[in-house]
Protein backbone atom coordinates (compact mmCIF):
# COMPACT_ATOMS: atom_id res chain seq x y z
CA MET A 1 4.85 11.05 -68.76
CA LYS A 2 2.40 10.77 -65.95
CA SER A 3 3.34 9.24 -62.61
CA VAL A 4 1.06 6.50 -61.31
CA HIS A 5 0.24 6.62 -57.72
CA GLN A 6 -1.00 3.25 -56.25
CA TYR A 7 -3.38 3.52 -53.31
CA PRO A 8 -4.26 0.64 -51.09
CA LYS A 9 -7.74 -0.77 -52.28
CA SER A 10 -8.96 -0.74 -48.71
CA SER A 11 -7.91 0.60 -45.49
CA THR A 12 -7.45 -2.97 -43.95
CA ALA A 13 -3.65 -2.62 -44.57
CA ARG A 14 -3.54 0.38 -42.31
CA CYS A 15 -5.83 -0.94 -39.71
CA GLY A 16 -3.60 -4.08 -39.67
CA ALA A 17 -0.53 -2.00 -39.03
CA ALA A 18 -2.30 -0.05 -36.18
CA LEU A 19 -3.37 -3.50 -34.45
CA VAL A 20 0.37 -4.62 -34.54
CA GLU A 21 1.47 -1.30 -33.10
CA LEU A 22 -1.05 -1.51 -30.37
CA ALA A 23 -0.09 -5.25 -29.66
CA ILE A 24 3.52 -3.96 -29.24
CA CYS A 25 3.00 -0.79 -27.29
CA LEU A 26 -0.02 -1.69 -24.80
CA PRO A 27 1.88 -4.18 -22.74
CA ILE A 28 4.70 -1.80 -22.31
CA LEU A 29 2.53 1.01 -21.28
CA LEU A 30 0.66 -1.18 -18.89
CA ILE A 31 3.85 -2.44 -17.21
CA ILE A 32 5.02 1.18 -16.92
CA THR A 33 1.67 2.22 -15.51
CA PHE A 34 1.28 -0.55 -12.77
CA GLY A 35 5.06 -0.51 -11.95
CA SER A 36 4.77 3.14 -11.23
CA ILE A 37 1.69 2.56 -9.01
CA GLU A 38 3.42 -0.21 -7.19
CA ALA A 39 6.55 1.87 -6.70
CA ALA A 40 4.40 4.73 -5.37
CA ASN A 41 2.72 2.39 -2.87
CA SER A 42 6.01 1.03 -1.61
CA ILE A 43 7.45 4.59 -1.16
CA SER A 44 4.36 5.60 0.61
CA LEU A 45 4.55 2.68 2.99
CA LYS A 46 8.26 3.31 3.66
CA GLN A 47 7.50 6.89 4.61
CA ALA A 48 4.63 5.90 6.83
CA LEU A 49 6.96 3.54 8.62
CA THR A 50 9.61 6.10 9.06
CA GLU A 51 7.10 8.38 10.51
CA VAL A 52 5.76 5.86 12.99
CA ALA A 53 9.32 4.90 13.99
CA TYR A 54 10.22 8.61 14.65
CA GLU A 55 7.14 9.46 16.45
CA ALA A 56 7.50 6.18 18.72
CA ALA A 57 11.11 7.10 19.49
CA ARG A 58 10.16 10.71 20.25
CA ILE A 59 7.80 9.46 22.98
CA ALA A 60 10.37 6.68 24.19
CA VAL A 61 13.07 9.25 24.75
CA ALA A 62 10.97 11.79 26.71
CA GLN A 63 11.47 12.10 30.40
CA GLY A 64 9.10 9.99 32.42
CA ARG A 65 7.75 8.06 29.43
CA THR A 66 7.95 4.29 29.13
CA GLU A 67 8.12 1.57 26.29
CA GLN A 68 4.41 1.13 26.55
CA ASP A 69 3.67 4.77 25.87
CA ALA A 70 5.84 4.48 22.72
CA ARG A 71 4.06 1.35 21.59
CA THR A 72 0.73 2.81 22.05
CA ARG A 73 1.65 5.86 20.05
CA ALA A 74 3.11 3.71 17.23
CA THR A 75 -0.19 1.56 17.23
CA GLU A 76 -2.34 4.58 16.90
CA ILE A 77 -0.41 5.93 13.99
CA LEU A 78 -0.39 2.40 12.22
CA ALA A 79 -4.29 2.08 12.61
CA ALA A 80 -4.56 5.63 11.31
CA ARG A 81 -2.55 4.78 8.25
CA ASN A 82 -4.28 1.37 7.80
CA ILE A 83 -1.14 -0.58 8.06
CA ASP A 84 -1.72 -4.11 9.37
CA ASN A 85 0.47 -6.86 10.71
CA ALA A 86 3.24 -4.35 11.82
CA THR A 87 5.74 -5.09 14.47
CA VAL A 88 7.34 -2.59 16.75
CA GLU A 89 10.72 -3.24 18.31
CA ILE A 90 12.11 -1.13 20.92
CA SER A 91 15.58 -1.58 22.48
CA PRO A 92 16.62 -1.33 25.18
CA LYS A 93 13.69 -1.77 27.36
CA ILE A 94 12.55 1.74 28.43
CA LYS A 95 11.26 2.36 31.80
CA SER A 96 10.62 5.64 33.61
CA THR A 97 13.90 5.14 35.30
CA THR A 98 15.95 4.77 32.26
CA LYS A 99 19.15 6.91 32.44
CA PRO A 100 19.33 10.07 30.17
CA GLY A 101 21.86 9.57 27.44
CA THR A 102 20.70 6.06 26.60
CA GLU A 103 20.46 5.41 22.79
CA VAL A 104 16.88 4.14 22.13
CA THR A 105 16.41 2.35 18.81
CA VAL A 106 12.80 1.92 17.43
CA THR A 107 12.23 -0.40 14.47
CA ILE A 108 8.91 -0.76 12.64
CA SER A 109 8.52 -3.52 10.23
CA ALA A 110 5.38 -4.39 7.92
CA PRO A 111 4.60 -6.48 4.96
CA ALA A 112 5.00 -4.84 1.72
CA GLU A 113 1.19 -5.52 1.03
CA SER A 114 0.16 -3.41 4.16
CA GLY A 115 -1.87 -0.47 3.36
CA SER A 116 -1.62 -0.92 -0.48
CA VAL A 117 -4.62 -0.02 -2.66
CA ALA A 118 -3.61 -2.32 -5.52
CA PRO A 119 -2.17 -5.88 -5.82
CA GLN A 120 1.67 -6.09 -5.19
CA TRP A 121 3.60 -8.22 -7.78
CA TYR A 122 7.33 -7.13 -7.34
CA PHE A 123 7.40 -6.40 -3.54
CA ARG A 124 4.94 -9.35 -2.69
CA GLY A 125 6.27 -11.26 0.24
CA THR A 126 8.87 -8.80 1.26
CA THR A 127 8.98 -6.90 4.53
CA MET A 128 9.78 -3.09 4.65
CA SER A 129 11.17 -1.53 7.81
CA ALA A 130 12.39 1.85 9.16
CA THR A 131 14.75 2.32 12.21
CA VAL A 132 15.11 5.45 14.16
CA VAL A 133 17.78 6.16 17.05
CA MET A 134 17.47 8.78 19.50
CA VAL A 135 18.98 9.62 22.78
CA ARG A 136 16.98 9.49 25.95
CA LEU A 137 16.46 13.06 27.64
């Protein structure tokens, strides 16, 4: 007895299956891809804000330096990183006569959209910040 194999009369059945697979997998792949890009942009912004806060605190705690020196340095780095609408908070107020041993806190905040190369969906409307505390020398 011979076995009879049935083959599709055309390849449209296989093309239809491929189209269904694409319709299911493509949105998932796009979500993963764009989600990864957005997460990478957010991590990069957080690192940049931490760097700016560290550099501003380092200037603020040096002997003879003032709060304005620290703000100037923070503004320079923010401009170099293309981070817009950032705020710099330094407490307490630093003068050249501020006593050694005083804890200086520098907080840098910026909208999550700052410096991003792609549109933000998940982090839209949020503010990221970084804080560094150092002791005045």
